[in-house]
Amino acid sequence: MAGLVALLVGLAATPSTAQVFTGR
């Protein structure tokens, strides 16, 4: 359970790789 919680916290803290190249 501790390992699963650590994995989920690690995934949630990973920055998104999507980038925006447009405006409006």
mmCIF file of all heavy atoms, coordinates in Angstrom:
data_MODEL
# 
_entry.id   MODEL 
# 
loop_
_atom_site.group_PDB 
_atom_site.id 
_atom_site.type_symbol 
_atom_site.label_atom_id 
_atom_site.label_alt_id 
_atom_site.label_comp_id 
_atom_site.label_asym_id 
_atom_site.label_entity_id 
_atom_site.label_seq_id 
_atom_site.pdbx_PDB_ins_code 
_atom_site.Cartn_x 
_atom_site.Cartn_y 
_atom_site.Cartn_z 
_atom_site.occupancy 
_atom_site.B_iso_or_equiv 
_atom_site.pdbx_formal_charge 
_atom_site.auth_seq_id 
_atom_site.auth_comp_id 
_atom_site.auth_asym_id 
_atom_site.auth_atom_id 
_atom_site.pdbx_PDB_model_num 
ATOM 1   N N   . MET A 1 1  ? 0.835   -1.206 0.000   1.00 0.00 ? 1  MET A N   1 
ATOM 2   C CA  . MET A 1 1  ? 0.000   0.000  0.000   1.00 0.00 ? 1  MET A CA  1 
ATOM 3   C C   . MET A 1 1  ? 0.869   1.256  0.000   1.00 0.00 ? 1  MET A C   1 
ATOM 4   O O   . MET A 1 1  ? 0.576   2.229  -0.699  1.00 0.00 ? 1  MET A O   1 
ATOM 5   C CB  . MET A 1 1  ? -0.929  0.013  1.222   1.00 0.00 ? 1  MET A CB  1 
ATOM 6   C CG  . MET A 1 1  ? -2.033  -1.005 1.143   1.00 0.00 ? 1  MET A CG  1 
ATOM 7   S SD  . MET A 1 1  ? -3.166  -0.620 -0.176  1.00 0.00 ? 1  MET A SD  1 
ATOM 8   C CE  . MET A 1 1  ? -4.205  0.530  0.655   1.00 0.00 ? 1  MET A CE  1 
ATOM 9   N N   . ALA A 1 2  ? 1.930   1.257  0.766   1.00 0.00 ? 2  ALA A N   1 
ATOM 10  C CA  . ALA A 1 2  ? 2.835   2.409  0.823   1.00 0.00 ? 2  ALA A CA  1 
ATOM 11  C C   . ALA A 1 2  ? 3.487   2.625  -0.543  1.00 0.00 ? 2  ALA A C   1 
ATOM 12  O O   . ALA A 1 2  ? 3.633   3.761  -1.010  1.00 0.00 ? 2  ALA A O   1 
ATOM 13  C CB  . ALA A 1 2  ? 3.892   2.218  1.897   1.00 0.00 ? 2  ALA A CB  1 
ATOM 14  N N   . GLY A 1 3  ? 3.862   1.551  -1.187  1.00 0.00 ? 3  GLY A N   1 
ATOM 15  C CA  . GLY A 1 3  ? 4.458   1.650  -2.518  1.00 0.00 ? 3  GLY A CA  1 
ATOM 16  C C   . GLY A 1 3  ? 3.466   2.198  -3.537  1.00 0.00 ? 3  GLY A C   1 
ATOM 17  O O   . GLY A 1 3  ? 3.815   3.026  -4.384  1.00 0.00 ? 3  GLY A O   1 
ATOM 18  N N   . LEU A 1 4  ? 2.214   1.766  -3.458  1.00 0.00 ? 4  LEU A N   1 
ATOM 19  C CA  . LEU A 1 4  ? 1.176   2.244  -4.364  1.00 0.00 ? 4  LEU A CA  1 
ATOM 20  C C   . LEU A 1 4  ? 0.909   3.729  -4.157  1.00 0.00 ? 4  LEU A C   1 
ATOM 21  O O   . LEU A 1 4  ? 0.808   4.491  -5.111  1.00 0.00 ? 4  LEU A O   1 
ATOM 22  C CB  . LEU A 1 4  ? -0.112  1.437  -4.166  1.00 0.00 ? 4  LEU A CB  1 
ATOM 23  C CG  . LEU A 1 4  ? -1.286  1.818  -5.056  1.00 0.00 ? 4  LEU A CG  1 
ATOM 24  C CD1 . LEU A 1 4  ? -0.932  1.624  -6.522  1.00 0.00 ? 4  LEU A CD1 1 
ATOM 25  C CD2 . LEU A 1 4  ? -2.510  1.009  -4.689  1.00 0.00 ? 4  LEU A CD2 1 
ATOM 26  N N   . VAL A 1 5  ? 0.845   4.139  -2.899  1.00 0.00 ? 5  VAL A N   1 
ATOM 27  C CA  . VAL A 1 5  ? 0.630   5.555  -2.593  1.00 0.00 ? 5  VAL A CA  1 
ATOM 28  C C   . VAL A 1 5  ? 1.793   6.386  -3.120  1.00 0.00 ? 5  VAL A C   1 
ATOM 29  O O   . VAL A 1 5  ? 1.605   7.451  -3.713  1.00 0.00 ? 5  VAL A O   1 
ATOM 30  C CB  . VAL A 1 5  ? 0.414   5.771  -1.074  1.00 0.00 ? 5  VAL A CB  1 
ATOM 31  C CG1 . VAL A 1 5  ? 0.479   7.241  -0.712  1.00 0.00 ? 5  VAL A CG1 1 
ATOM 32  C CG2 . VAL A 1 5  ? -0.905  5.169  -0.643  1.00 0.00 ? 5  VAL A CG2 1 
ATOM 33  N N   . ALA A 1 6  ? 3.017   5.929  -2.926  1.00 0.00 ? 6  ALA A N   1 
ATOM 34  C CA  . ALA A 1 6  ? 4.202   6.651  -3.411  1.00 0.00 ? 6  ALA A CA  1 
ATOM 35  C C   . ALA A 1 6  ? 4.169   6.770  -4.937  1.00 0.00 ? 6  ALA A C   1 
ATOM 36  O O   . ALA A 1 6  ? 4.501   7.814  -5.505  1.00 0.00 ? 6  ALA A O   1 
ATOM 37  C CB  . ALA A 1 6  ? 5.469   5.954  -2.941  1.00 0.00 ? 6  ALA A CB  1 
ATOM 38  N N   . LEU A 1 7  ? 3.758   5.712  -5.613  1.00 0.00 ? 7  LEU A N   1 
ATOM 39  C CA  . LEU A 1 7  ? 3.670   5.733  -7.068  1.00 0.00 ? 7  LEU A CA  1 
ATOM 40  C C   . LEU A 1 7  ? 2.631   6.739  -7.539  1.00 0.00 ? 7  LEU A C   1 
ATOM 41  O O   . LEU A 1 7  ? 2.877   7.530  -8.446  1.00 0.00 ? 7  LEU A O   1 
ATOM 42  C CB  . LEU A 1 7  ? 3.325   4.335  -7.593  1.00 0.00 ? 7  LEU A CB  1 
ATOM 43  C CG  . LEU A 1 7  ? 3.122   4.230  -9.113  1.00 0.00 ? 7  LEU A CG  1 
ATOM 44  C CD1 . LEU A 1 7  ? 4.431   4.510  -9.840  1.00 0.00 ? 7  LEU A CD1 1 
ATOM 45  C CD2 . LEU A 1 7  ? 2.581   2.861  -9.477  1.00 0.00 ? 7  LEU A CD2 1 
ATOM 46  N N   . LEU A 1 8  ? 1.456   6.752  -6.914  1.00 0.00 ? 8  LEU A N   1 
ATOM 47  C CA  . LEU A 1 8  ? 0.400   7.689  -7.296  1.00 0.00 ? 8  LEU A CA  1 
ATOM 48  C C   . LEU A 1 8  ? 0.806   9.136  -7.040  1.00 0.00 ? 8  LEU A C   1 
ATOM 49  O O   . LEU A 1 8  ? 0.535   10.017 -7.850  1.00 0.00 ? 8  LEU A O   1 
ATOM 50  C CB  . LEU A 1 8  ? -0.892  7.352  -6.557  1.00 0.00 ? 8  LEU A CB  1 
ATOM 51  C CG  . LEU A 1 8  ? -1.575  6.061  -7.001  1.00 0.00 ? 8  LEU A CG  1 
ATOM 52  C CD1 . LEU A 1 8  ? -2.778  5.769  -6.115  1.00 0.00 ? 8  LEU A CD1 1 
ATOM 53  C CD2 . LEU A 1 8  ? -1.965  6.114  -8.449  1.00 0.00 ? 8  LEU A CD2 1 
ATOM 54  N N   . VAL A 1 9  ? 1.458   9.397  -5.935  1.00 0.00 ? 9  VAL A N   1 
ATOM 55  C CA  . VAL A 1 9  ? 1.933   10.754 -5.626  1.00 0.00 ? 9  VAL A CA  1 
ATOM 56  C C   . VAL A 1 9  ? 2.978   11.171 -6.652  1.00 0.00 ? 9  VAL A C   1 
ATOM 57  O O   . VAL A 1 9  ? 2.980   12.300 -7.137  1.00 0.00 ? 9  VAL A O   1 
ATOM 58  C CB  . VAL A 1 9  ? 2.481   10.839 -4.181  1.00 0.00 ? 9  VAL A CB  1 
ATOM 59  C CG1 . VAL A 1 9  ? 3.226   12.136 -3.950  1.00 0.00 ? 9  VAL A CG1 1 
ATOM 60  C CG2 . VAL A 1 9  ? 1.354   10.681 -3.188  1.00 0.00 ? 9  VAL A CG2 1 
ATOM 61  N N   . GLY A 1 10 ? 3.843   10.282 -7.022  1.00 0.00 ? 10 GLY A N   1 
ATOM 62  C CA  . GLY A 1 10 ? 4.880   10.581 -8.023  1.00 0.00 ? 10 GLY A CA  1 
ATOM 63  C C   . GLY A 1 10 ? 4.279   10.901 -9.384  1.00 0.00 ? 10 GLY A C   1 
ATOM 64  O O   . GLY A 1 10 ? 4.719   11.816 -10.068 1.00 0.00 ? 10 GLY A O   1 
ATOM 65  N N   . LEU A 1 11 ? 3.260   10.163 -9.775  1.00 0.00 ? 11 LEU A N   1 
ATOM 66  C CA  . LEU A 1 11 ? 2.611   10.422 -11.061 1.00 0.00 ? 11 LEU A CA  1 
ATOM 67  C C   . LEU A 1 11 ? 1.865   11.755 -11.052 1.00 0.00 ? 11 LEU A C   1 
ATOM 68  O O   . LEU A 1 11 ? 1.854   12.479 -12.040 1.00 0.00 ? 11 LEU A O   1 
ATOM 69  C CB  . LEU A 1 11 ? 1.650   9.289  -11.411 1.00 0.00 ? 11 LEU A CB  1 
ATOM 70  C CG  . LEU A 1 11 ? 2.293   7.968  -11.816 1.00 0.00 ? 11 LEU A CG  1 
ATOM 71  C CD1 . LEU A 1 11 ? 1.216   6.900  -12.036 1.00 0.00 ? 11 LEU A CD1 1 
ATOM 72  C CD2 . LEU A 1 11 ? 3.137   8.124  -13.055 1.00 0.00 ? 11 LEU A CD2 1 
ATOM 73  N N   . ALA A 1 12 ? 1.236   12.083 -9.931  1.00 0.00 ? 12 ALA A N   1 
ATOM 74  C CA  . ALA A 1 12 ? 0.488   13.331 -9.837  1.00 0.00 ? 12 ALA A CA  1 
ATOM 75  C C   . ALA A 1 12 ? 1.417   14.540 -9.871  1.00 0.00 ? 12 ALA A C   1 
ATOM 76  O O   . ALA A 1 12 ? 1.043   15.612 -10.333 1.00 0.00 ? 12 ALA A O   1 
ATOM 77  C CB  . ALA A 1 12 ? -0.350  13.350 -8.562  1.00 0.00 ? 12 ALA A CB  1 
ATOM 78  N N   . ALA A 1 13 ? 2.648   14.388 -9.408  1.00 0.00 ? 13 ALA A N   1 
ATOM 79  C CA  . ALA A 1 13 ? 3.587   15.503 -9.354  1.00 0.00 ? 13 ALA A CA  1 
ATOM 80  C C   . ALA A 1 13 ? 4.336   15.695 -10.672 1.00 0.00 ? 13 ALA A C   1 
ATOM 81  O O   . ALA A 1 13 ? 5.027   16.686 -10.849 1.00 0.00 ? 13 ALA A O   1 
ATOM 82  C CB  . ALA A 1 13 ? 4.575   15.285 -8.224  1.00 0.00 ? 13 ALA A CB  1 
ATOM 83  N N   . THR A 1 14 ? 4.224   14.747 -11.603 1.00 0.00 ? 14 THR A N   1 
ATOM 84  C CA  . THR A 1 14 ? 4.922   14.854 -12.880 1.00 0.00 ? 14 THR A CA  1 
ATOM 85  C C   . THR A 1 14 ? 4.295   15.950 -13.722 1.00 0.00 ? 14 THR A C   1 
ATOM 86  O O   . THR A 1 14 ? 3.089   15.978 -13.920 1.00 0.00 ? 14 THR A O   1 
ATOM 87  C CB  . THR A 1 14 ? 4.842   13.511 -13.646 1.00 0.00 ? 14 THR A CB  1 
ATOM 88  O OG1 . THR A 1 14 ? 5.365   12.488 -12.815 1.00 0.00 ? 14 THR A OG1 1 
ATOM 89  C CG2 . THR A 1 14 ? 5.626   13.573 -14.932 1.00 0.00 ? 14 THR A CG2 1 
ATOM 90  N N   . PRO A 1 15 ? 5.099   16.898 -14.225 1.00 0.00 ? 15 PRO A N   1 
ATOM 91  C CA  . PRO A 1 15 ? 4.529   17.971 -15.040 1.00 0.00 ? 15 PRO A CA  1 
ATOM 92  C C   . PRO A 1 15 ? 3.990   17.443 -16.364 1.00 0.00 ? 15 PRO A C   1 
ATOM 93  O O   . PRO A 1 15 ? 4.490   16.465 -16.911 1.00 0.00 ? 15 PRO A O   1 
ATOM 94  C CB  . PRO A 1 15 ? 5.708   18.923 -15.274 1.00 0.00 ? 15 PRO A CB  1 
ATOM 95  C CG  . PRO A 1 15 ? 6.926   18.114 -15.014 1.00 0.00 ? 15 PRO A CG  1 
ATOM 96  C CD  . PRO A 1 15 ? 6.534   17.013 -14.059 1.00 0.00 ? 15 PRO A CD  1 
ATOM 97  N N   . SER A 1 16 ? 2.995   18.113 -16.858 1.00 0.00 ? 16 SER A N   1 
ATOM 98  C CA  . SER A 1 16 ? 2.385   17.736 -18.124 1.00 0.00 ? 16 SER A CA  1 
ATOM 99  C C   . SER A 1 16 ? 3.334   18.052 -19.272 1.00 0.00 ? 16 SER A C   1 
ATOM 100 O O   . SER A 1 16 ? 4.032   19.062 -19.256 1.00 0.00 ? 16 SER A O   1 
ATOM 101 C CB  . SER A 1 16 ? 1.076   18.509 -18.314 1.00 0.00 ? 16 SER A CB  1 
ATOM 102 O OG  . SER A 1 16 ? 0.555   18.270 -19.596 1.00 0.00 ? 16 SER A OG  1 
ATOM 103 N N   . THR A 1 17 ? 3.348   17.213 -20.275 1.00 0.00 ? 17 THR A N   1 
ATOM 104 C CA  . THR A 1 17 ? 4.225   17.453 -21.412 1.00 0.00 ? 17 THR A CA  1 
ATOM 105 C C   . THR A 1 17 ? 3.519   18.199 -22.536 1.00 0.00 ? 17 THR A C   1 
ATOM 106 O O   . THR A 1 17 ? 4.140   18.548 -23.517 1.00 0.00 ? 17 THR A O   1 
ATOM 107 C CB  . THR A 1 17 ? 4.768   16.113 -21.966 1.00 0.00 ? 17 THR A CB  1 
ATOM 108 O OG1 . THR A 1 17 ? 3.659   15.298 -22.330 1.00 0.00 ? 17 THR A OG1 1 
ATOM 109 C CG2 . THR A 1 17 ? 5.633   15.414 -20.936 1.00 0.00 ? 17 THR A CG2 1 
ATOM 110 N N   . ALA A 1 18 ? 2.208   18.461 -22.400 1.00 0.00 ? 18 ALA A N   1 
ATOM 111 C CA  . ALA A 1 18 ? 1.472   19.189 -23.435 1.00 0.00 ? 18 ALA A CA  1 
ATOM 112 C C   . ALA A 1 18 ? 1.901   20.643 -23.427 1.00 0.00 ? 18 ALA A C   1 
ATOM 113 O O   . ALA A 1 18 ? 2.058   21.261 -22.388 1.00 0.00 ? 18 ALA A O   1 
ATOM 114 C CB  . ALA A 1 18 ? -0.030  19.083 -23.190 1.00 0.00 ? 18 ALA A CB  1 
ATOM 115 N N   . GLN A 1 19 ? 2.105   21.180 -24.625 1.00 0.00 ? 19 GLN A N   1 
ATOM 116 C CA  . GLN A 1 19 ? 2.493   22.578 -24.748 1.00 0.00 ? 19 GLN A CA  1 
ATOM 117 C C   . GLN A 1 19 ? 1.518   23.282 -25.665 1.00 0.00 ? 19 GLN A C   1 
ATOM 118 O O   . GLN A 1 19 ? 0.988   22.700 -26.596 1.00 0.00 ? 19 GLN A O   1 
ATOM 119 C CB  . GLN A 1 19 ? 3.908   22.689 -25.300 1.00 0.00 ? 19 GLN A CB  1 
ATOM 120 C CG  . GLN A 1 19 ? 4.947   22.116 -24.361 1.00 0.00 ? 19 GLN A CG  1 
ATOM 121 C CD  . GLN A 1 19 ? 6.346   22.235 -24.942 1.00 0.00 ? 19 GLN A CD  1 
ATOM 122 O OE1 . GLN A 1 19 ? 6.534   22.721 -26.034 1.00 0.00 ? 19 GLN A OE1 1 
ATOM 123 N NE2 . GLN A 1 19 ? 7.327   21.779 -24.189 1.00 0.00 ? 19 GLN A NE2 1 
ATOM 124 N N   . VAL A 1 20 ? 1.302   24.557 -25.392 1.00 0.00 ? 20 VAL A N   1 
ATOM 125 C CA  . VAL A 1 20 ? 0.403   25.366 -26.204 1.00 0.00 ? 20 VAL A CA  1 
ATOM 126 C C   . VAL A 1 20 ? 1.240   26.258 -27.099 1.00 0.00 ? 20 VAL A C   1 
ATOM 127 O O   . VAL A 1 20 ? 2.141   26.948 -26.634 1.00 0.00 ? 20 VAL A O   1 
ATOM 128 C CB  . VAL A 1 20 ? -0.512  26.222 -25.294 1.00 0.00 ? 20 VAL A CB  1 
ATOM 129 C CG1 . VAL A 1 20 ? -1.396  27.117 -26.121 1.00 0.00 ? 20 VAL A CG1 1 
ATOM 130 C CG2 . VAL A 1 20 ? -1.329  25.329 -24.390 1.00 0.00 ? 20 VAL A CG2 1 
ATOM 131 N N   . PHE A 1 21 ? 0.940   26.253 -28.410 1.00 0.00 ? 21 PHE A N   1 
ATOM 132 C CA  . PHE A 1 21 ? 1.693   27.062 -29.352 1.00 0.00 ? 21 PHE A CA  1 
ATOM 133 C C   . PHE A 1 21 ? 0.815   28.106 -30.032 1.00 0.00 ? 21 PHE A C   1 
ATOM 134 O O   . PHE A 1 21 ? 1.203   28.691 -31.028 1.00 0.00 ? 21 PHE A O   1 
ATOM 135 C CB  . PHE A 1 21 ? 2.340   26.175 -30.420 1.00 0.00 ? 21 PHE A CB  1 
ATOM 136 C CG  . PHE A 1 21 ? 3.371   25.241 -29.852 1.00 0.00 ? 21 PHE A CG  1 
ATOM 137 C CD1 . PHE A 1 21 ? 3.105   23.893 -29.724 1.00 0.00 ? 21 PHE A CD1 1 
ATOM 138 C CD2 . PHE A 1 21 ? 4.597   25.712 -29.421 1.00 0.00 ? 21 PHE A CD2 1 
ATOM 139 C CE1 . PHE A 1 21 ? 4.045   23.034 -29.190 1.00 0.00 ? 21 PHE A CE1 1 
ATOM 140 C CE2 . PHE A 1 21 ? 5.545   24.866 -28.885 1.00 0.00 ? 21 PHE A CE2 1 
ATOM 141 C CZ  . PHE A 1 21 ? 5.269   23.511 -28.773 1.00 0.00 ? 21 PHE A CZ  1 
ATOM 142 N N   . THR A 1 22 ? -0.387  28.315 -29.513 1.00 0.00 ? 22 THR A N   1 
ATOM 143 C CA  . THR A 1 22 ? -1.318  29.263 -30.130 1.00 0.00 ? 22 THR A CA  1 
ATOM 144 C C   . THR A 1 22 ? -1.880  30.206 -29.072 1.00 0.00 ? 22 THR A C   1 
ATOM 145 O O   . THR A 1 22 ? -1.727  29.990 -27.883 1.00 0.00 ? 22 THR A O   1 
ATOM 146 C CB  . THR A 1 22 ? -2.490  28.528 -30.802 1.00 0.00 ? 22 THR A CB  1 
ATOM 147 O OG1 . THR A 1 22 ? -3.200  27.776 -29.818 1.00 0.00 ? 22 THR A OG1 1 
ATOM 148 C CG2 . THR A 1 22 ? -2.013  27.609 -31.919 1.00 0.00 ? 22 THR A CG2 1 
ATOM 149 N N   . GLY A 1 23 ? -2.558  31.254 -29.539 1.00 0.00 ? 23 GLY A N   1 
ATOM 150 C CA  . GLY A 1 23 ? -3.233  32.194 -28.655 1.00 0.00 ? 23 GLY A CA  1 
ATOM 151 C C   . GLY A 1 23 ? -4.648  32.404 -29.160 1.00 0.00 ? 23 GLY A C   1 
ATOM 152 O O   . GLY A 1 23 ? -5.111  31.694 -30.066 1.00 0.00 ? 23 GLY A O   1 
ATOM 153 N N   . ARG A 1 24 ? -5.347  33.402 -28.610 1.00 0.00 ? 24 ARG A N   1 
ATOM 154 C CA  . ARG A 1 24 ? -6.713  33.660 -29.038 1.00 0.00 ? 24 ARG A CA  1 
ATOM 155 C C   . ARG A 1 24 ? -7.064  35.124 -28.869 1.00 0.00 ? 24 ARG A C   1 
ATOM 156 O O   . ARG A 1 24 ? -6.446  35.830 -28.077 1.00 0.00 ? 24 ARG A O   1 
ATOM 157 C CB  . ARG A 1 24 ? -7.701  32.768 -28.317 1.00 0.00 ? 24 ARG A CB  1 
ATOM 158 C CG  . ARG A 1 24 ? -7.770  33.000 -26.822 1.00 0.00 ? 24 ARG A CG  1 
ATOM 159 C CD  . ARG A 1 24 ? -8.565  31.951 -26.121 1.00 0.00 ? 24 ARG A CD  1 
ATOM 160 N NE  . ARG A 1 24 ? -9.951  32.369 -25.951 1.00 0.00 ? 24 ARG A NE  1 
ATOM 161 C CZ  . ARG A 1 24 ? -10.839 31.681 -25.276 1.00 0.00 ? 24 ARG A CZ  1 
ATOM 162 N NH1 . ARG A 1 24 ? -10.527 30.518 -24.754 1.00 0.00 ? 24 ARG A NH1 1 
ATOM 163 N NH2 . ARG A 1 24 ? -12.062 32.134 -25.136 1.00 0.00 ? 24 ARG A NH2 1 
# 
